[in-house]
Protein backbone atom coordinates (compact mmCIF):
# COMPACT_ATOMS: atom_id res chain seq x y z
CA SER A 1 0.33 0.26 0.45
CA VAL A 2 1.40 4.07 -0.81
CA THR A 3 0.11 6.88 -1.08
CA ILE A 4 1.11 9.88 -3.14
CA GLU A 5 0.14 13.67 -1.92
CA LYS A 6 -0.66 16.40 -4.66
CA ASN A 7 2.00 18.56 -5.97
CA SER A 8 4.99 16.05 -4.12
CA CYS A 9 7.68 14.47 -5.95
CA ILE A 10 8.61 10.40 -4.96
CA ALA A 11 10.17 7.72 -6.32
CA PHE A 12 9.78 4.27 -6.56
CA VAL A 13 13.52 2.42 -6.85
CA GLY A 14 14.82 -1.22 -6.90
CA GLU A 15 16.85 -3.92 -8.75
CA SER A 16 15.60 -5.13 -12.26
CA GLY A 17 11.97 -7.14 -12.14
CA ALA A 18 11.27 -5.17 -8.84
CA GLY A 19 8.28 -4.08 -9.94
CA LYS A 20 8.65 -0.72 -11.06
CA SER A 21 7.62 -0.11 -13.77
CA THR A 22 4.53 -3.30 -13.69
CA LEU A 23 3.65 -0.48 -10.77
CA VAL A 24 3.19 2.11 -13.72
CA ASP A 25 1.71 0.16 -15.59
CA MET A 26 -0.96 -0.82 -12.94
CA LEU A 27 -0.91 3.80 -12.60
CA LEU A 28 -1.64 4.26 -16.44
CA GLY A 29 -4.67 1.55 -16.72
CA ILE A 30 -2.68 -0.59 -18.81
CA PHE A 31 -2.44 -3.53 -16.52
CA ASN A 32 -5.61 -3.94 -14.07
CA SER A 33 -4.92 -5.28 -10.81
CA GLN A 34 -5.63 -8.73 -9.65
CA GLY A 35 -6.13 -7.30 -6.20
CA GLY A 36 -6.50 -4.33 -3.97
CA LYS A 37 -7.20 -0.73 -5.78
CA ILE A 38 -6.24 1.76 -6.99
CA SER A 39 -7.99 5.35 -5.38
CA ILE A 40 -7.53 8.59 -6.42
CA ASP A 41 -9.17 11.25 -4.00
CA GLY A 42 -11.51 8.05 -3.06
CA THR A 43 -12.44 7.54 -5.85
CA GLU A 44 -11.52 4.12 -7.19
CA LEU A 45 -10.09 3.50 -10.65
CA ASN A 46 -12.05 1.97 -13.16
CA GLN A 47 -13.34 1.72 -16.47
CA GLN A 48 -15.58 4.15 -16.16
CA ASN A 49 -13.14 6.79 -15.34
CA ILE A 50 -9.90 5.38 -16.99
CA GLU A 51 -9.82 7.60 -19.86
CA SER A 52 -10.80 10.87 -16.99
CA TRP A 53 -7.94 9.54 -15.71
CA ARG A 54 -4.80 9.23 -18.20
CA SER A 55 -6.18 12.87 -19.11
CA LYS A 56 -4.80 14.44 -16.11
CA ILE A 57 -1.30 12.32 -17.15
CA GLY A 58 1.77 13.74 -18.28
CA TYR A 59 3.41 10.22 -20.13
CA VAL A 60 8.20 10.27 -20.15
CA PRO A 61 9.49 6.64 -20.98
CA GLN A 62 12.71 5.32 -21.52
CA THR A 63 12.45 5.91 -24.93
CA ILE A 64 11.10 8.50 -26.41
CA VAL A 65 9.87 7.77 -30.26
CA LEU A 66 9.75 10.99 -32.78
CA LEU A 67 8.08 12.01 -35.98
CA ASN A 68 10.30 12.51 -39.19
CA SER A 69 8.02 15.92 -38.30
CA SER A 70 8.95 19.64 -37.32
CA ILE A 71 9.80 19.87 -33.66
CA SER A 72 6.49 21.60 -32.57
CA ARG A 73 4.69 18.99 -33.93
CA ASN A 74 6.31 16.29 -31.86
CA ILE A 75 6.59 18.48 -28.96
CA ALA A 76 1.91 18.17 -30.02
CA PHE A 77 1.62 15.59 -30.97
CA GLU A 78 -0.93 15.98 -33.57
CA PHE A 79 -2.13 14.42 -36.68
CA SER A 80 -1.90 18.02 -38.50
CA GLU A 81 -0.02 21.25 -38.13
CA LYS A 82 -3.33 23.41 -37.82
CA SER A 83 -4.47 21.11 -34.63
CA ILE A 84 -0.91 22.21 -32.65
CA ASP A 85 -1.54 25.55 -30.29
CA MET A 86 2.06 27.32 -30.56
CA LYS A 87 1.59 29.17 -27.53
CA ARG A 88 1.66 25.88 -25.64
CA VAL A 89 4.21 24.01 -27.34
CA GLU A 90 6.49 27.42 -26.74
CA LEU A 91 5.57 27.01 -22.67
CA ALA A 92 6.31 23.21 -22.67
CA ALA A 93 9.32 23.93 -24.43
CA LYS A 94 10.45 26.50 -22.20
CA VAL A 95 9.76 24.44 -19.10
CA ALA A 96 11.12 21.78 -20.28
CA GLY A 97 14.42 23.68 -20.55
CA ILE A 98 15.15 22.83 -24.41
CA ASP A 99 13.08 26.66 -26.15
CA ASP A 100 16.87 28.49 -25.92
CA PHE A 101 18.12 25.60 -28.23
CA ILE A 102 15.59 25.69 -30.45
CA LYS A 103 15.02 28.94 -31.15
CA ASP A 104 18.82 28.86 -32.17
CA LEU A 105 18.29 26.32 -34.76
CA ASP A 106 17.41 27.86 -38.39
CA ASP A 107 13.79 26.76 -38.48
CA SER A 108 13.47 27.05 -34.40
CA PHE A 109 10.37 24.43 -33.34
CA ASP A 110 9.72 23.96 -37.42
CA THR A 111 12.66 21.87 -37.50
CA ILE A 112 12.61 18.65 -39.21
CA THR A 113 14.31 16.40 -36.67
CA GLY A 114 14.67 13.81 -39.31
CA GLU A 115 13.60 9.60 -38.71
CA ASN A 116 13.14 9.36 -34.73
CA GLY A 117 15.31 12.45 -33.69
CA VAL A 118 18.85 11.50 -35.68
CA LYS A 119 18.79 14.86 -35.91
CA LEU A 120 18.58 15.57 -32.34
CA SER A 121 21.39 14.06 -29.15
CA GLY A 122 19.92 12.15 -26.78
CA GLY A 123 19.22 14.38 -24.31
CA GLN A 124 17.63 16.23 -26.80
CA ARG A 125 15.37 14.03 -27.73
CA GLN A 126 14.74 12.56 -24.12
CA ARG A 127 13.43 17.14 -23.29
CA ILE A 128 10.98 17.38 -26.55
CA GLY A 129 10.00 14.06 -24.81
CA ILE A 130 9.56 16.01 -21.35
CA ALA A 131 8.51 18.89 -23.48
CA ARG A 132 5.60 16.47 -25.13
CA ALA A 133 4.56 15.26 -21.61
CA LEU A 134 3.32 18.73 -19.77
CA TYR A 135 2.09 20.11 -23.80
CA ASN A 136 -1.40 19.87 -21.92
CA ASN A 137 -0.33 20.75 -18.79
CA PRO A 138 -1.57 17.68 -16.87
CA GLU A 139 -1.17 17.47 -13.33
CA ILE A 140 1.14 14.26 -13.08
CA LEU A 141 3.62 14.18 -14.54
CA ILE A 142 5.27 9.75 -14.64
CA PHE A 143 9.17 9.62 -15.28
CA ASP A 144 10.08 5.83 -16.21
CA GLU A 145 12.68 5.86 -16.08
CA ALA A 146 13.47 8.46 -18.27
CA THR A 147 16.68 8.96 -18.01
CA SER A 148 18.47 6.12 -17.78
CA ALA A 149 19.89 5.58 -21.81
CA LEU A 150 22.07 9.50 -20.73
CA ASP A 151 25.49 10.41 -20.06
CA GLY A 152 25.68 12.00 -16.54
CA ILE A 153 26.23 15.74 -17.81
CA THR A 154 22.91 15.11 -20.02
CA GLU A 155 20.89 13.44 -17.05
CA ASP A 156 22.15 16.05 -14.26
CA ILE A 157 20.61 18.67 -17.45
CA VAL A 158 17.16 16.80 -17.67
CA MET A 159 16.49 16.37 -14.28
CA SER A 160 16.99 19.61 -13.18
CA SER A 161 13.91 20.55 -15.74
CA ILE A 162 11.79 18.16 -14.27
CA GLN A 163 12.66 19.83 -10.07
CA LYS A 164 12.28 22.90 -11.46
CA LEU A 165 8.06 21.49 -12.05
CA LYS A 166 8.25 20.31 -8.01
CA ASP A 167 5.32 21.55 -6.01
CA GLN A 168 3.70 22.42 -9.12
CA LYS A 169 2.71 18.84 -10.33
CA THR A 170 2.46 15.71 -9.12
CA ILE A 171 6.16 13.40 -10.19
CA ILE A 172 6.40 10.13 -9.73
CA LEU A 173 9.59 8.91 -10.53
CA ILE A 174 10.99 5.21 -11.22
CA ALA A 175 14.73 4.81 -11.03
CA HIS A 176 17.26 2.46 -10.97
CA ARG A 177 20.15 5.13 -10.82
CA LEU A 178 19.39 6.93 -7.29
CA THR A 179 21.81 10.06 -8.61
CA THR A 180 18.36 11.14 -10.46
CA ILE A 181 15.98 10.45 -6.98
CA GLN A 182 18.30 12.45 -4.41
CA ASP A 183 15.48 15.68 -4.43
CA CYS A 184 13.12 13.65 -4.07
CA ASP A 185 10.25 13.24 -1.33
CA VAL A 186 9.79 10.39 -0.80
CA ILE A 187 11.47 7.37 -2.20
CA HIS A 188 9.88 3.56 -2.19
CA VAL A 189 11.94 1.09 -2.60
CA MET A 190 10.11 -1.92 -4.44
CA LYS A 191 11.51 -6.03 -4.09
CA ARG A 192 9.25 -8.24 -5.30
CA GLY A 193 6.46 -6.50 -6.12
CA ARG A 194 6.35 -5.43 -2.47
CA ILE A 195 7.10 -2.00 -0.65
CA ILE A 196 10.28 -2.71 1.60
CA GLY A 197 10.87 1.24 2.64
CA SER A 198 10.37 4.43 2.42
CA GLY A 199 11.75 8.12 3.13
CA ASN A 200 14.25 9.87 1.44
CA TYR A 201 17.75 10.34 0.34
CA GLU A 202 19.26 9.68 4.04
CA GLU A 203 16.75 7.85 5.68
CA LEU A 204 17.40 5.24 3.44
CA LEU A 205 20.84 5.11 2.95
CA GLU A 206 20.78 5.01 7.65
CA ARG A 207 18.62 2.19 7.25
CA ASN A 208 17.54 0.53 4.47
CA ASP A 209 20.04 -2.30 4.03
CA THR A 210 18.62 -2.73 -0.48
CA PHE A 211 18.95 1.26 -0.48
CA ARG A 212 22.37 0.95 0.61
CA LYS A 213 23.25 -1.63 -1.52
CA MET A 214 21.89 -0.09 -4.75
CA ALA A 215 23.35 3.10 -3.42
CA LYS A 216 27.03 1.36 -3.12
CA ALA A 217 26.93 0.04 -6.45
CA GLY A 218 25.68 3.27 -8.28
CA GLU A 219 29.18 5.00 -6.92
CA ARG A 220 30.92 2.30 -7.35
CA ASP A 221 29.56 2.36 -11.42
CA ARG A 222 29.91 6.48 -11.09
CA LYS A 223 33.84 6.00 -10.30
CA ILE A 224 34.49 3.54 -13.45
CA ALA A 225 32.01 5.81 -15.53
CA GLU A 226 34.61 8.40 -14.56
CA LYS A 227 37.91 6.25 -15.28
C-alpha cells in the first residue's frame, strides 16, 4: 500500500524485476490489478473513469519516439500542424529547458527532427519528450527510467528541468540510478512487487540495506565511468 500526496515528488526504486514499471502500468490503467484497488481522492479507478484519469497524466518513457516531422508537431503530437497551439508548445519547451536550443536553430520550432530524432542528441530528444508530456498541462507527470540511457552531464540537465516542476505538479519517478532521485520528497524501495522501505534519501541510506547496496553500486559505476 502507498499514498501519493498531490504536488509531491516521489520515486520508486529497486533492482531489475522489482515491479517498478509494472506499478506504473497499473497507474496508467494498462494493467488491471488482480487484488486491491487504486483510488484517486477516494474514488476507485475503473473502466468508467480511466480516460478521465489518463487525461491528467503526462508520461515520459525511457525511449522517446519522434516523428520525422517538425519539433512543434513532435511536442504537440497532433495529427495536423493546423491543430497545434504554438503558445502551449513554446511554454512546454521552456519548462522542459529546451526552448533556447530550439530558438537557435535556423528553422526554430519548424526544424525537422529526422527519423526518430536522428538529427538530435539523446538529451535533446528526451527533453522534447518532457515537453510533449507537458503540452496538455497535466496534473501528474510520470517518468519511467526516462534518463537511464543518458550520460551523466545530460542526465543532470534533464533532471534539473524536472526538479523545476516540484510543488507545481505531482511527479512520480521510476529510477534505477539513485543519482536522479536524491531531491525527491519520498522514495519507496521495491522488491518482488512489494515496498520494503520508504523515506528520503538520507533516511534510506541509514536504515535500508537494499537501498544502501544500490547506492554503493551506483557510486562504483560512477567512478568506473569517470575513468
